[in-house]
Amino acid sequence: MKEATIIGIDLAKRNFSICGIDRNSKVLFRKSLSRHEMMEFIVTSKKALIAFEACGGSHYWARFCERHGHDVKVISSYRVKPFAPAKKKNDAVDAEAIAIAAQQVSVPSTRTKSTDQQDIEIMQNYREQIIAQRVALMNQLHAIALEYGVSLPSCKSFLQIEKIVIELENGDNELTDVAREMISRILVRAKNLNAEAESIALEIASFYKGNENYKLICSIPGVGPQTAAAVLAHTGGNVSSFKNGRQFSAYLGLTPQQYSTGGKSKLLGITKTGNERIRRLLIVGMNSVLRVVDKKQDKVSLWASEKKSHKAYRVTAVAMANKTARIIYAVLKNQTPYCVA
């Protein structure tokens, strides 16, 4: 069998399609292998550039290939699609498209994640799932009460949940014993979910307790433990692959989308590409910063205050998130904490 310089692999649970090409994009071989055969193929093959489409299991296989001396490129699916035939879709075609995409210098790759990074992402995913369940339960609770003509007080924080308990103990409303019992059960379950979410948040914070990059990111106003953990889980604290802060911000989808034609340039809303969690956490954090920005006199606060005076609040929050992403890049690259100017 001829040795390929680039090997494209279409990942799956059990059956893997492999396509090897040379430097001229000529297909040298195609294979369909089982999981065990796939491992044996990677171990016995000579050093090559092995490319995967970013999907479930891609980081595991990337680490496996790197351990056996191969170069690895994990490519986003939308970067692979232009190299696949328009009206032909099968595993062999996908493997070839992945190999050809990996050959292009202009096609960026995703950095392989370590097991520690994946551990943090699992915890954050589970925590967000718990919070979504808690919100759903509280909405259900309010809806049940309204069916009996009771408008329960809205709680700005889950810590104010006792307001609802007091309303339940009021015997003047039309809540039946069955309704009170079901609402009480919903409250107990919501409290348990809240306790679990807080426990996971503490585990995430303790995971990065001695990490210097974590402390550097947390030194930035409006960036809390969850945001810092999300940044480290996604980048590993290494931002060397980004040319500058603007490129990092664009990677997170916080820069305006450009629509240009005929020499006329028009800026639209933010692109919303990249990691949704980091982008959302940054914007939420900047909402908190903007509430007190008028009381501060540093350069960033003065800039944000002036921006808020003639722009919508949410627009200003996104602009602040864009600036904060660049600051995160700067503190990680220079290894210095944020200093208020």
C-alpha atoms as a PDB file:
ATOM      1  CA  MET A   1       0.000   0.000   0.000  1.00  0.00           C
ATOM      2  CA  LYS A   2       1.301   3.473  -0.912  1.00  0.00           C
ATOM      3  CA  GLU A   3       2.110   5.773   1.970  1.00  0.00           C
ATOM      4  CA  ALA A   4      -0.127   8.840   2.169  1.00  0.00           C
ATOM      5  CA  THR A   5       1.001  12.251   3.431  1.00  0.00           C
ATOM      6  CA  ILE A   6      -2.530  13.197   4.547  1.00  0.00           C
ATOM      7  CA  ILE A   7      -5.158  10.815   5.908  1.00  0.00           C
ATOM      8  CA  GLY A   8      -8.753  11.915   6.280  1.00  0.00           C
ATOM      9  CA  ILE A   9     -10.925   9.934   8.695  1.00  0.00           C
ATOM     10  CA  ASP A  10     -14.708  10.113   8.942  1.00  0.00           C
ATOM     11  CA  LEU A  11     -15.380   9.203  12.570  1.00  0.00           C
ATOM     12  CA  ALA A  12     -18.240   7.055  13.815  1.00  0.00           C
ATOM     13  CA  LYS A  13     -19.042   4.793  16.762  1.00  0.00           C
ATOM     14  CA  ARG A  14     -18.015   1.482  15.183  1.00  0.00           C
ATOM     15  CA  ASN A  15     -17.144   1.794  11.468  1.00  0.00           C
ATOM     16  CA  PHE A  16     -14.605   4.357  10.265  1.00  0.00           C
ATOM     17  CA  SER A  17     -14.009   5.482   6.685  1.00  0.00           C
ATOM     18  CA  ILE A  18     -10.409   6.373   5.808  1.00  0.00           C
ATOM     19  CA  CYS A  19      -9.011   8.118   2.758  1.00  0.00           C
ATOM     20  CA  GLY A  20      -5.303   8.652   2.092  1.00  0.00           C
ATOM     21  CA  ILE A  21      -4.071  11.257  -0.393  1.00  0.00           C
ATOM     22  CA  ASP A  22      -0.681  12.508  -1.558  1.00  0.00           C
ATOM     23  CA  ARG A  23       0.520  16.121  -1.881  1.00  0.00           C
ATOM     24  CA  ASN A  24      -1.269  16.440  -5.240  1.00  0.00           C
ATOM     25  CA  SER A  25      -4.636  15.439  -3.722  1.00  0.00           C
ATOM     26  CA  LYS A  26      -4.541  12.100  -5.550  1.00  0.00           C
ATOM     27  CA  VAL A  27      -6.451   9.390  -3.695  1.00  0.00           C
ATOM     28  CA  LEU A  28      -4.067   6.547  -2.820  1.00  0.00           C
ATOM     29  CA  PHE A  29      -6.411   4.323  -0.840  1.00  0.00           C
ATOM     30  CA  ARG A  30      -9.810   4.087   0.790  1.00  0.00           C
ATOM     31  CA  LYS A  31     -10.654   1.850   3.729  1.00  0.00           C
ATOM     32  CA  SER A  32     -13.555   1.015   6.003  1.00  0.00           C
ATOM     33  CA  LEU A  33     -12.316  -0.181   9.382  1.00  0.00           C
ATOM     34  CA  SER A  34     -13.765  -1.293  12.688  1.00  0.00           C
ATOM     35  CA  ARG A  35     -12.751   0.443  15.912  1.00  0.00           C
ATOM     36  CA  HIS A  36     -10.049  -2.116  16.724  1.00  0.00           C
ATOM     37  CA  GLU A  37      -8.719  -2.070  13.141  1.00  0.00           C
ATOM     38  CA  MET A  38      -8.677   1.711  13.245  1.00  0.00           C
ATOM     39  CA  MET A  39      -6.425   1.719  16.307  1.00  0.00           C
ATOM     40  CA  GLU A  40      -4.106  -0.836  14.717  1.00  0.00           C
ATOM     41  CA  PHE A  41      -3.961   1.221  11.500  1.00  0.00           C
ATOM     42  CA  ILE A  42      -2.944   4.388  13.371  1.00  0.00           C
ATOM     43  CA  VAL A  43      -0.291   2.553  15.419  1.00  0.00           C
ATOM     44  CA  THR A  44       1.315   0.842  12.413  1.00  0.00           C
ATOM     45  CA  SER A  45       1.117   3.703   9.884  1.00  0.00           C
ATOM     46  CA  LYS A  46       4.108   5.920   9.180  1.00  0.00           C
ATOM     47  CA  LYS A  47       4.008   9.511  10.378  1.00  0.00           C
ATOM     48  CA  ALA A  48       1.368  11.515   8.498  1.00  0.00           C
ATOM     49  CA  LEU A  49      -1.073  14.378   8.920  1.00  0.00           C
ATOM     50  CA  ILE A  50      -4.309  12.809  10.156  1.00  0.00           C
ATOM     51  CA  ALA A  51      -7.432  14.948   9.874  1.00  0.00           C
ATOM     52  CA  PHE A  52     -10.805  14.583  11.554  1.00  0.00           C
ATOM     53  CA  GLU A  53     -14.050  16.500  11.404  1.00  0.00           C
ATOM     54  CA  ALA A  54     -14.840  18.118  14.763  1.00  0.00           C
ATOM     55  CA  CYS A  55     -17.476  15.862  16.348  1.00  0.00           C
ATOM     56  CA  GLY A  56     -18.037  13.521  19.275  1.00  0.00           C
ATOM     57  CA  GLY A  57     -14.850  11.585  20.006  1.00  0.00           C
ATOM     58  CA  SER A  58     -12.607  13.694  17.746  1.00  0.00           C
ATOM     59  CA  HIS A  59     -10.445  14.949  20.631  1.00  0.00           C
ATOM     60  CA  TYR A  60      -9.953  11.413  21.961  1.00  0.00           C
ATOM     61  CA  TRP A  61      -8.767  10.219  18.546  1.00  0.00           C
ATOM     62  CA  ALA A  62      -6.602  13.330  18.143  1.00  0.00           C
ATOM     63  CA  ARG A  63      -4.825  12.551  21.423  1.00  0.00           C
ATOM     64  CA  PHE A  64      -4.465   8.895  20.388  1.00  0.00           C
ATOM     65  CA  CYS A  65      -2.843   9.865  17.065  1.00  0.00           C
ATOM     66  CA  GLU A  66      -0.508  12.386  18.717  1.00  0.00           C
ATOM     67  CA  ARG A  67       0.668   9.740  21.184  1.00  0.00           C
ATOM     68  CA  HIS A  68       1.738   7.590  18.224  1.00  0.00           C
ATOM     69  CA  GLY A  69       3.728  10.325  16.480  1.00  0.00           C
ATOM     70  CA  HIS A  70       1.225  11.691  13.959  1.00  0.00           C
ATOM     71  CA  ASP A  71       0.364  15.311  13.250  1.00  0.00           C
ATOM     72  CA  VAL A  72      -3.324  16.023  13.808  1.00  0.00           C
ATOM     73  CA  LYS A  73      -5.795  18.513  12.390  1.00  0.00           C
ATOM     74  CA  VAL A  74      -9.364  18.730  13.749  1.00  0.00           C
ATOM     75  CA  ILE A  75     -11.510  20.752  11.344  1.00  0.00           C
ATOM     76  CA  SER A  76     -14.951  22.269  11.823  1.00  0.00           C
ATOM     77  CA  SER A  77     -17.654  20.654   9.691  1.00  0.00           C
ATOM     78  CA  TYR A  78     -18.591  23.869   7.888  1.00  0.00           C
ATOM     79  CA  ARG A  79     -14.961  24.190   6.740  1.00  0.00           C
ATOM     80  CA  VAL A  80     -15.096  20.674   5.250  1.00  0.00           C
ATOM     81  CA  LYS A  81     -18.422  21.039   3.430  1.00  0.00           C
ATOM     82  CA  PRO A  82     -17.107  23.155   0.476  1.00  0.00           C
ATOM     83  CA  PHE A  83     -14.730  20.310  -0.480  1.00  0.00           C
ATOM     84  CA  ALA A  84     -17.453  17.642  -0.694  1.00  0.00           C
ATOM     85  CA  PRO A  85     -19.442  16.985  -3.904  1.00  0.00           C
ATOM     86  CA  ALA A  86     -22.729  18.871  -3.943  1.00  0.00           C
ATOM     87  CA  LYS A  87     -25.024  15.925  -4.664  1.00  0.00           C
ATOM     88  CA  LYS A  88     -23.112  13.027  -3.188  1.00  0.00           C
ATOM     89  CA  LYS A  89     -23.082  12.069   0.487  1.00  0.00           C
ATOM     90  CA  ASN A  90     -21.486   8.973   1.979  1.00  0.00           C
ATOM     91  CA  ASP A  91     -18.734   8.155   4.457  1.00  0.00           C
ATOM     92  CA  ALA A  92     -16.053   7.615   1.800  1.00  0.00           C
ATOM     93  CA  VAL A  93     -16.783  10.979   0.175  1.00  0.00           C
ATOM     94  CA  ASP A  94     -16.706  12.687   3.588  1.00  0.00           C
ATOM     95  CA  ALA A  95     -13.305  11.144   4.403  1.00  0.00           C
ATOM     96  CA  GLU A  96     -11.881  12.420   1.109  1.00  0.00           C
ATOM     97  CA  ALA A  97     -13.321  15.905   1.703  1.00  0.00           C
ATOM     98  CA  ILE A  98     -11.724  15.979   5.176  1.00  0.00           C
ATOM     99  CA  ALA A  99      -8.335  15.020   3.703  1.00  0.00           C
ATOM    100  CA  ILE A 100      -8.526  17.709   0.997  1.00  0.00           C
ATOM    101  CA  ALA A 101      -9.658  20.355   3.525  1.00  0.00           C
ATOM    102  CA  ALA A 102      -6.697  19.491   5.759  1.00  0.00           C
ATOM    103  CA  GLN A 103      -4.386  20.173   2.826  1.00  0.00           C
ATOM    104  CA  GLN A 104      -5.516  23.805   2.592  1.00  0.00           C
ATOM    105  CA  VAL A 105      -3.342  26.282   4.484  1.00  0.00           C
ATOM    106  CA  SER A 106      -6.255  28.712   4.830  1.00  0.00           C
ATOM    107  CA  VAL A 107      -8.451  26.172   6.666  1.00  0.00           C
ATOM    108  CA  PRO A 108      -7.917  26.586  10.434  1.00  0.00           C
ATOM    109  CA  SER A 109      -7.957  23.679  12.849  1.00  0.00           C
ATOM    110  CA  THR A 110      -9.209  23.234  16.380  1.00  0.00           C
ATOM    111  CA  ARG A 111      -6.602  22.696  19.090  1.00  0.00           C
ATOM    112  CA  THR A 112      -6.788  19.249  20.664  1.00  0.00           C
ATOM    113  CA  LYS A 113      -8.344  19.348  24.123  1.00  0.00           C
ATOM    114  CA  SER A 114      -6.807  17.612  27.109  1.00  0.00           C
ATOM    115  CA  THR A 115      -8.805  15.371  29.431  1.00  0.00           C
ATOM    116  CA  ASP A 116      -8.760  18.155  32.078  1.00  0.00           C
ATOM    117  CA  GLN A 117     -10.373  20.582  29.627  1.00  0.00           C
ATOM    118  CA  GLN A 118     -13.031  18.035  28.780  1.00  0.00           C
ATOM    119  CA  ASP A 119     -13.678  17.376  32.484  1.00  0.00           C
ATOM    120  CA  ILE A 120     -14.467  21.065  33.051  1.00  0.00           C
ATOM    121  CA  GLU A 121     -16.710  21.199  29.984  1.00  0.00           C
ATOM    122  CA  ILE A 122     -18.643  18.163  31.257  1.00  0.00           C
ATOM    123  CA  MET A 123     -19.171  19.826  34.645  1.00  0.00           C
ATOM    124  CA  GLN A 124     -20.285  23.100  33.067  1.00  0.00           C
ATOM    125  CA  ASN A 125     -22.648  21.327  30.678  1.00  0.00           C
ATOM    126  CA  TYR A 126     -24.209  19.393  33.546  1.00  0.00           C
ATOM    127  CA  ARG A 127     -24.498  22.526  35.698  1.00  0.00           C
ATOM    128  CA  GLU A 128     -26.275  24.428  32.916  1.00  0.00           C
ATOM    129  CA  GLN A 129     -28.630  21.487  32.429  1.00  0.00           C
ATOM    130  CA  ILE A 130     -29.484  21.556  36.147  1.00  0.00           C
ATOM    131  CA  ILE A 131     -30.138  25.307  36.051  1.00  0.00           C
ATOM    132  CA  ALA A 132     -32.433  24.868  33.035  1.00  0.00           C
ATOM    133  CA  GLN A 133     -34.397  22.191  34.932  1.00  0.00           C
ATOM    134  CA  ARG A 134     -34.652  24.490  37.964  1.00  0.00           C
ATOM    135  CA  VAL A 135     -36.001  27.340  35.823  1.00  0.00           C
ATOM    136  CA  ALA A 136     -38.535  24.993  34.214  1.00  0.00           C
ATOM    137  CA  LEU A 137     -39.743  23.838  37.639  1.00  0.00           C
ATOM    138  CA  MET A 138     -40.165  27.397  38.892  1.00  0.00           C
ATOM    139  CA  ASN A 139     -42.122  28.336  35.761  1.00  0.00           C
ATOM    140  CA  GLN A 140     -44.338  25.281  36.291  1.00  0.00           C
ATOM    141  CA  LEU A 141     -44.881  26.298  39.908  1.00  0.00           C
ATOM    142  CA  HIS A 142     -46.029  29.807  38.935  1.00  0.00           C
ATOM    143  CA  ALA A 143     -48.335  28.397  36.237  1.00  0.00           C
ATOM    144  CA  ILE A 144     -49.999  25.973  38.702  1.00  0.00           C
ATOM    145  CA  ALA A 145     -50.596  28.768  41.217  1.00  0.00           C
ATOM    146  CA  LEU A 146     -52.174  31.016  38.569  1.00  0.00           C
ATOM    147  CA  GLU A 147     -54.711  28.282  37.800  1.00  0.00           C
ATOM    148  CA  TYR A 148     -56.015  28.816  41.355  1.00  0.00           C
ATOM    149  CA  GLY A 149     -55.974  32.606  41.107  1.00  0.00           C
ATOM    150  CA  VAL A 150     -52.731  33.009  43.068  1.00  0.00           C
ATOM    151  CA  SER A 151     -49.994  35.232  41.641  1.00  0.00           C
ATOM    152  CA  LEU A 152     -46.811  34.155  43.391  1.00  0.00           C
ATOM    153  CA  PRO A 153     -44.113  36.791  43.934  1.00  0.00           C
ATOM    154  CA  SER A 154     -41.299  36.777  41.384  1.00  0.00           C
ATOM    155  CA  CYS A 155     -37.922  36.013  42.913  1.00  0.00           C
ATOM    156  CA  LYS A 156     -34.952  37.967  41.555  1.00  0.00           C
ATOM    157  CA  SER A 157     -32.762  35.368  43.203  1.00  0.00           C
ATOM    158  CA  PHE A 158     -33.373  31.767  44.169  1.00  0.00           C
ATOM    159  CA  LEU A 159     -32.413  32.843  47.699  1.00  0.00           C
ATOM    160  CA  GLN A 160     -35.739  34.725  47.869  1.00  0.00           C
ATOM    161  CA  ILE A 161     -37.678  31.493  47.488  1.00  0.00           C
ATOM    162  CA  GLU A 162     -39.090  31.932  51.022  1.00  0.00           C
ATOM    163  CA  LYS A 163     -41.488  34.525  49.572  1.00  0.00           C
ATOM    164  CA  ILE A 164     -43.302  31.676  47.808  1.00  0.00           C
ATOM    165  CA  VAL A 165     -43.311  29.557  50.961  1.00  0.00           C
ATOM    166  CA  ILE A 166     -45.028  32.377  52.863  1.00  0.00           C
ATOM    167  CA  GLU A 167     -47.675  32.663  50.133  1.00  0.00           C
ATOM    168  CA  LEU A 168     -48.322  28.915  50.305  1.00  0.00           C
ATOM    169  CA  GLU A 169     -48.983  29.157  54.046  1.00  0.00           C
ATOM    170  CA  ASN A 170     -51.638  31.820  53.452  1.00  0.00           C
ATOM    171  CA  GLY A 171     -55.006  30.124  54.047  1.00  0.00           C
ATOM    172  CA  ASP A 172     -57.063  32.893  52.409  1.00  0.00           C
ATOM    173  CA  ASN A 173     -56.354  31.850  48.821  1.00  0.00           C
ATOM    174  CA  GLU A 174     -58.082  29.107  46.794  1.00  0.00           C
ATOM    175  CA  LEU A 175     -55.156  26.685  46.701  1.00  0.00           C
ATOM    176  CA  THR A 176     -56.386  23.192  47.528  1.00  0.00           C
ATOM    177  CA  ASP A 177     -54.514  20.740  49.739  1.00  0.00           C
ATOM    178  CA  VAL A 178     -53.491  18.735  46.653  1.00  0.00           C
ATOM    179  CA  ALA A 179     -52.172  21.857  44.885  1.00  0.00           C
ATOM    180  CA  ARG A 180     -50.221  22.926  47.992  1.00  0.00           C
ATOM    181  CA  GLU A 181     -48.691  19.453  48.257  1.00  0.00           C
ATOM    182  CA  MET A 182     -47.610  19.402  44.599  1.00  0.00           C
ATOM    183  CA  ILE A 183     -46.173  22.922  44.813  1.00  0.00           C
ATOM    184  CA  SER A 184     -44.286  21.933  47.959  1.00  0.00           C
ATOM    185  CA  ARG A 185     -42.803  18.930  46.140  1.00  0.00           C
ATOM    186  CA  ILE A 186     -41.765  21.145  43.225  1.00  0.00           C
ATOM    187  CA  LEU A 187     -40.088  23.549  45.668  1.00  0.00           C
ATOM    188  CA  VAL A 188     -38.170  20.726  47.353  1.00  0.00           C
ATOM    189  CA  ARG A 189     -36.948  19.433  44.005  1.00  0.00           C
ATOM    190  CA  ALA A 190     -35.965  22.950  42.868  1.00  0.00           C
ATOM    191  CA  LYS A 191     -34.012  23.496  46.103  1.00  0.00           C
ATOM    192  CA  ASN A 192     -32.163  20.202  45.597  1.00  0.00           C
ATOM    193  CA  LEU A 193     -31.274  21.185  42.041  1.00  0.00           C
ATOM    194  CA  ASN A 194     -30.052  24.578  43.238  1.00  0.00           C
ATOM    195  CA  ALA A 195     -27.852  22.946  45.878  1.00  0.00           C
ATOM    196  CA  GLU A 196     -26.399  20.591  43.259  1.00  0.00           C
ATOM    197  CA  ALA A 197     -25.662  23.493  40.894  1.00  0.00           C
ATOM    198  CA  GLU A 198     -23.856  25.368  43.674  1.00  0.00           C
ATOM    199  CA  SER A 199     -21.874  22.244  44.553  1.00  0.00           C
ATOM    200  CA  ILE A 200     -20.688  21.818  40.959  1.00  0.00           C
ATOM    201  CA  ALA A 201     -19.719  25.516  40.805  1.00  0.00           C
ATOM    202  CA  LEU A 202     -17.524  25.006  43.872  1.00  0.00           C
ATOM    203  CA  GLU A 203     -15.946  21.904  42.296  1.00  0.00           C
ATOM    204  CA  ILE A 204     -15.079  23.901  39.170  1.00  0.00           C
ATOM    205  CA  ALA A 205     -13.524  26.682  41.261  1.00  0.00           C
ATOM    206  CA  SER A 206     -11.483  24.195  43.302  1.00  0.00           C
ATOM    207  CA  PHE A 207     -10.325  22.468  40.086  1.00  0.00           C
ATOM    208  CA  TYR A 208      -8.516  25.652  39.026  1.00  0.00           C
ATOM    209  CA  LYS A 209      -7.618  26.810  42.536  1.00  0.00           C
ATOM    210  CA  GLY A 210      -3.850  26.899  41.942  1.00  0.00           C
ATOM    211  CA  ASN A 211      -3.952  27.759  38.234  1.00  0.00           C
ATOM    212  CA  GLU A 212      -2.194  31.070  37.482  1.00  0.00           C
ATOM    213  CA  ASN A 213      -4.094  31.623  34.226  1.00  0.00           C
ATOM    214  CA  TYR A 214      -7.355  31.230  36.133  1.00  0.00           C
ATOM    215  CA  LYS A 215      -6.290  33.949  38.594  1.00  0.00           C
ATOM    216  CA  LEU A 216      -5.223  36.245  35.744  1.00  0.00           C
ATOM    217  CA  ILE A 217      -8.583  35.980  33.997  1.00  0.00           C
ATOM    218  CA  CYS A 218     -10.517  36.443  37.251  1.00  0.00           C
ATOM    219  CA  SER A 219      -8.645  39.740  37.846  1.00  0.00           C
ATOM    220  CA  ILE A 220     -10.691  41.323  35.029  1.00  0.00           C
ATOM    221  CA  PRO A 221     -13.884  43.181  36.135  1.00  0.00           C
ATOM    222  CA  GLY A 222     -17.053  41.307  35.167  1.00  0.00           C
ATOM    223  CA  VAL A 223     -15.242  38.005  34.614  1.00  0.00           C
ATOM    224  CA  GLY A 224     -16.161  35.450  37.267  1.00  0.00           C
ATOM    225  CA  PRO A 225     -15.119  31.879  38.039  1.00  0.00           C
ATOM    226  CA  GLN A 226     -17.480  30.283  35.500  1.00  0.00           C
ATOM    227  CA  THR A 227     -16.285  32.542  32.666  1.00  0.00           C
ATOM    228  CA  ALA A 228     -12.623  31.962  33.538  1.00  0.00           C
ATOM    229  CA  ALA A 229     -13.175  28.198  33.698  1.00  0.00           C
ATOM    230  CA  ALA A 230     -14.974  28.240  30.318  1.00  0.00           C
ATOM    231  CA  VAL A 231     -12.092  30.168  28.692  1.00  0.00           C
ATOM    232  CA  LEU A 232      -9.488  27.756  30.096  1.00  0.00           C
ATOM    233  CA  ALA A 233     -11.573  24.700  29.159  1.00  0.00           C
ATOM    234  CA  HIS A 234     -11.770  25.948  25.590  1.00  0.00           C
ATOM    235  CA  THR A 235      -8.260  27.338  25.070  1.00  0.00           C
ATOM    236  CA  GLY A 236      -6.198  25.612  27.761  1.00  0.00           C
ATOM    237  CA  GLY A 237      -4.791  29.058  28.624  1.00  0.00           C
ATOM    238  CA  ASN A 238      -2.766  29.094  25.392  1.00  0.00           C
ATOM    239  CA  VAL A 239      -3.725  31.945  23.029  1.00  0.00           C
ATOM    240  CA  SER A 240      -0.578  31.793  20.881  1.00  0.00           C
ATOM    241  CA  SER A 241      -2.571  30.563  17.876  1.00  0.00           C
ATOM    242  CA  PHE A 242      -4.332  33.940  17.706  1.00  0.00           C
ATOM    243  CA  LYS A 243      -2.506  36.804  16.019  1.00  0.00           C
ATOM    244  CA  ASN A 244      -3.999  39.495  18.276  1.00  0.00           C
ATOM    245  CA  GLY A 245      -6.858  40.283  20.626  1.00  0.00           C
ATOM    246  CA  ARG A 246      -9.225  41.182  17.815  1.00  0.00           C
ATOM    247  CA  GLN A 247      -8.745  37.763  16.238  1.00  0.00           C
ATOM    248  CA  PHE A 248      -9.558  36.112  19.574  1.00  0.00           C
ATOM    249  CA  SER A 249     -12.679  38.267  19.916  1.00  0.00           C
ATOM    250  CA  ALA A 250     -13.709  37.410  16.346  1.00  0.00           C
ATOM    251  CA  TYR A 251     -13.147  33.724  17.150  1.00  0.00           C
ATOM    252  CA  LEU A 252     -15.713  34.063  19.948  1.00  0.00           C
ATOM    253  CA  GLY A 253     -18.218  35.696  17.569  1.00  0.00           C
ATOM    254  CA  LEU A 254     -18.159  39.120  19.268  1.00  0.00           C
ATOM    255  CA  THR A 255     -17.148  41.205  16.227  1.00  0.00           C
ATOM    256  CA  PRO A 256     -19.556  42.706  13.656  1.00  0.00           C
ATOM    257  CA  GLN A 257     -20.397  40.759  10.539  1.00  0.00           C
ATOM    258  CA  GLN A 258     -19.278  42.560   7.402  1.00  0.00           C
ATOM    259  CA  TYR A 259     -21.328  42.751   4.206  1.00  0.00           C
ATOM    260  CA  SER A 260     -19.379  44.484   1.435  1.00  0.00           C
ATOM    261  CA  THR A 261     -20.073  44.817  -2.266  1.00  0.00           C
ATOM    262  CA  GLY A 262     -19.200  47.322  -4.958  1.00  0.00           C
ATOM    263  CA  GLY A 263     -16.764  49.099  -2.669  1.00  0.00           C
ATOM    264  CA  LYS A 264     -19.495  49.768  -0.104  1.00  0.00           C
ATOM    265  CA  SER A 265     -19.012  48.270   3.348  1.00  0.00           C
ATOM    266  CA  LYS A 266     -21.801  47.612   5.804  1.00  0.00           C
ATOM    267  CA  LEU A 267     -21.431  46.278   9.341  1.00  0.00           C
ATOM    268  CA  LEU A 268     -24.211  44.066  10.675  1.00  0.00           C
ATOM    269  CA  GLY A 269     -24.745  42.399  14.054  1.00  0.00           C
ATOM    270  CA  ILE A 270     -22.115  40.188  15.700  1.00  0.00           C
ATOM    271  CA  THR A 271     -21.277  36.945  13.897  1.00  0.00           C
ATOM    272  CA  LYS A 272     -22.144  34.657  16.867  1.00  0.00           C
ATOM    273  CA  THR A 273     -19.620  32.061  15.733  1.00  0.00           C
ATOM    274  CA  GLY A 274     -17.274  30.149  18.039  1.00  0.00           C
ATOM    275  CA  ASN A 275     -17.948  29.140  21.624  1.00  0.00           C
ATOM    276  CA  GLU A 276     -21.490  30.141  22.619  1.00  0.00           C
ATOM    277  CA  ARG A 277     -20.925  29.637  26.346  1.00  0.00           C
ATOM    278  CA  ILE A 278     -17.953  32.017  26.631  1.00  0.00           C
ATOM    279  CA  ARG A 279     -19.754  34.644  24.540  1.00  0.00           C
ATOM    280  CA  ARG A 280     -22.904  34.408  26.679  1.00  0.00           C
ATOM    281  CA  LEU A 281     -21.014  34.511  29.984  1.00  0.00           C
ATOM    282  CA  LEU A 282     -19.014  37.548  28.869  1.00  0.00           C
ATOM    283  CA  ILE A 283     -22.152  39.450  27.858  1.00  0.00           C
ATOM    284  CA  VAL A 284     -23.932  38.550  31.117  1.00  0.00           C
ATOM    285  CA  GLY A 285     -20.874  39.667  33.099  1.00  0.00           C
ATOM    286  CA  MET A 286     -20.735  42.987  31.255  1.00  0.00           C
ATOM    287  CA  ASN A 287     -24.405  43.608  32.068  1.00  0.00           C
ATOM    288  CA  SER A 288     -23.371  43.626  35.733  1.00  0.00           C
ATOM    289  CA  VAL A 289     -20.398  45.917  35.081  1.00  0.00           C
ATOM    290  CA  LEU A 290     -22.551  48.443  33.212  1.00  0.00           C
ATOM    291  CA  ARG A 291     -24.845  48.905  36.226  1.00  0.00           C
ATOM    292  CA  VAL A 292     -22.044  50.564  38.228  1.00  0.00           C
ATOM    293  CA  VAL A 293     -19.884  51.953  35.432  1.00  0.00           C
ATOM    294  CA  ASP A 294     -21.082  55.540  36.003  1.00  0.00           C
ATOM    295  CA  LYS A 295     -19.531  55.522  39.485  1.00  0.00           C
ATOM    296  CA  LYS A 296     -16.004  54.774  38.224  1.00  0.00           C
ATOM    297  CA  GLN A 297     -13.392  56.999  36.588  1.00  0.00           C
ATOM    298  CA  ASP A 298     -10.977  54.562  34.900  1.00  0.00           C
ATOM    299  CA  LYS A 299     -10.544  54.662  31.106  1.00  0.00           C
ATOM    300  CA  VAL A 300     -12.655  51.608  30.334  1.00  0.00           C
ATOM    301  CA  SER A 301     -15.495  52.780  32.592  1.00  0.00           C
ATOM    302  CA  LEU A 302     -15.473  56.261  31.043  1.00  0.00           C
ATOM    303  CA  TRP A 303     -15.542  54.706  27.570  1.00  0.00           C
ATOM    304  CA  ALA A 304     -18.436  52.410  28.542  1.00  0.00           C
ATOM    305  CA  SER A 305     -20.331  55.260  30.205  1.00  0.00           C
ATOM    306  CA  GLU A 306     -20.027  57.413  27.084  1.00  0.00           C
ATOM    307  CA  LYS A 307     -21.083  54.469  24.890  1.00  0.00           C
ATOM    308  CA  LYS A 308     -24.101  53.774  27.110  1.00  0.00           C
ATOM    309  CA  SER A 309     -25.258  57.386  26.840  1.00  0.00           C
ATOM    310  CA  HIS A 310     -26.097  57.103  23.119  1.00  0.00           C
ATOM    311  CA  LYS A 311     -26.342  53.338  22.490  1.00  0.00           C
ATOM    312  CA  ALA A 312     -28.820  50.710  23.645  1.00  0.00           C
ATOM    313  CA  TYR A 313     -27.897  48.964  26.905  1.00  0.00           C
ATOM    314  CA  ARG A 314     -27.523  45.546  25.290  1.00  0.00           C
ATOM    315  CA  VAL A 315     -25.456  46.936  22.431  1.00  0.00           C
ATOM    316  CA  THR A 316     -23.106  48.520  24.967  1.00  0.00           C
ATOM    317  CA  ALA A 317     -22.899  45.213  26.885  1.00  0.00           C
ATOM    318  CA  VAL A 318     -21.843  43.382  23.706  1.00  0.00           C
ATOM    319  CA  ALA A 319     -19.264  46.097  22.946  1.00  0.00           C
ATOM    320  CA  MET A 320     -17.903  45.679  26.485  1.00  0.00           C
ATOM    321  CA  ALA A 321     -17.787  41.897  26.015  1.00  0.00           C
ATOM    322  CA  ASN A 322     -15.796  42.444  22.813  1.00  0.00           C
ATOM    323  CA  LYS A 323     -13.307  44.643  24.673  1.00  0.00           C
ATOM    324  CA  THR A 324     -13.116  42.190  27.587  1.00  0.00           C
ATOM    325  CA  ALA A 325     -12.306  39.306  25.220  1.00  0.00           C
ATOM    326  CA  ARG A 326      -9.338  41.322  23.987  1.00  0.00           C
ATOM    327  CA  ILE A 327      -8.273  42.008  27.579  1.00  0.00           C
ATOM    328  CA  ILE A 328      -8.437  38.253  28.320  1.00  0.00           C
ATOM    329  CA  TYR A 329      -6.148  37.666  25.342  1.00  0.00           C
ATOM    330  CA  ALA A 330      -3.724  40.332  26.619  1.00  0.00           C
ATOM    331  CA  VAL A 331      -3.486  39.032  30.202  1.00  0.00           C
ATOM    332  CA  LEU A 332      -2.967  35.445  29.015  1.00  0.00           C
ATOM    333  CA  LYS A 333      -0.376  36.405  26.427  1.00  0.00           C
ATOM    334  CA  ASN A 334       1.588  38.782  28.699  1.00  0.00           C
ATOM    335  CA  GLN A 335       1.013  36.740  31.877  1.00  0.00           C
ATOM    336  CA  THR A 336       0.201  39.872  33.865  1.00  0.00           C
ATOM    337  CA  PRO A 337      -2.979  40.595  35.866  1.00  0.00           C
ATOM    338  CA  TYR A 338      -5.411  43.269  34.749  1.00  0.00           C
ATOM    339  CA  CYS A 339      -4.539  46.738  36.032  1.00  0.00           C
ATOM    340  CA  VAL A 340      -7.138  49.531  36.173  1.00  0.00           C
ATOM    341  CA  ALA A 341      -5.863  52.495  34.137  1.00  0.00           C
END
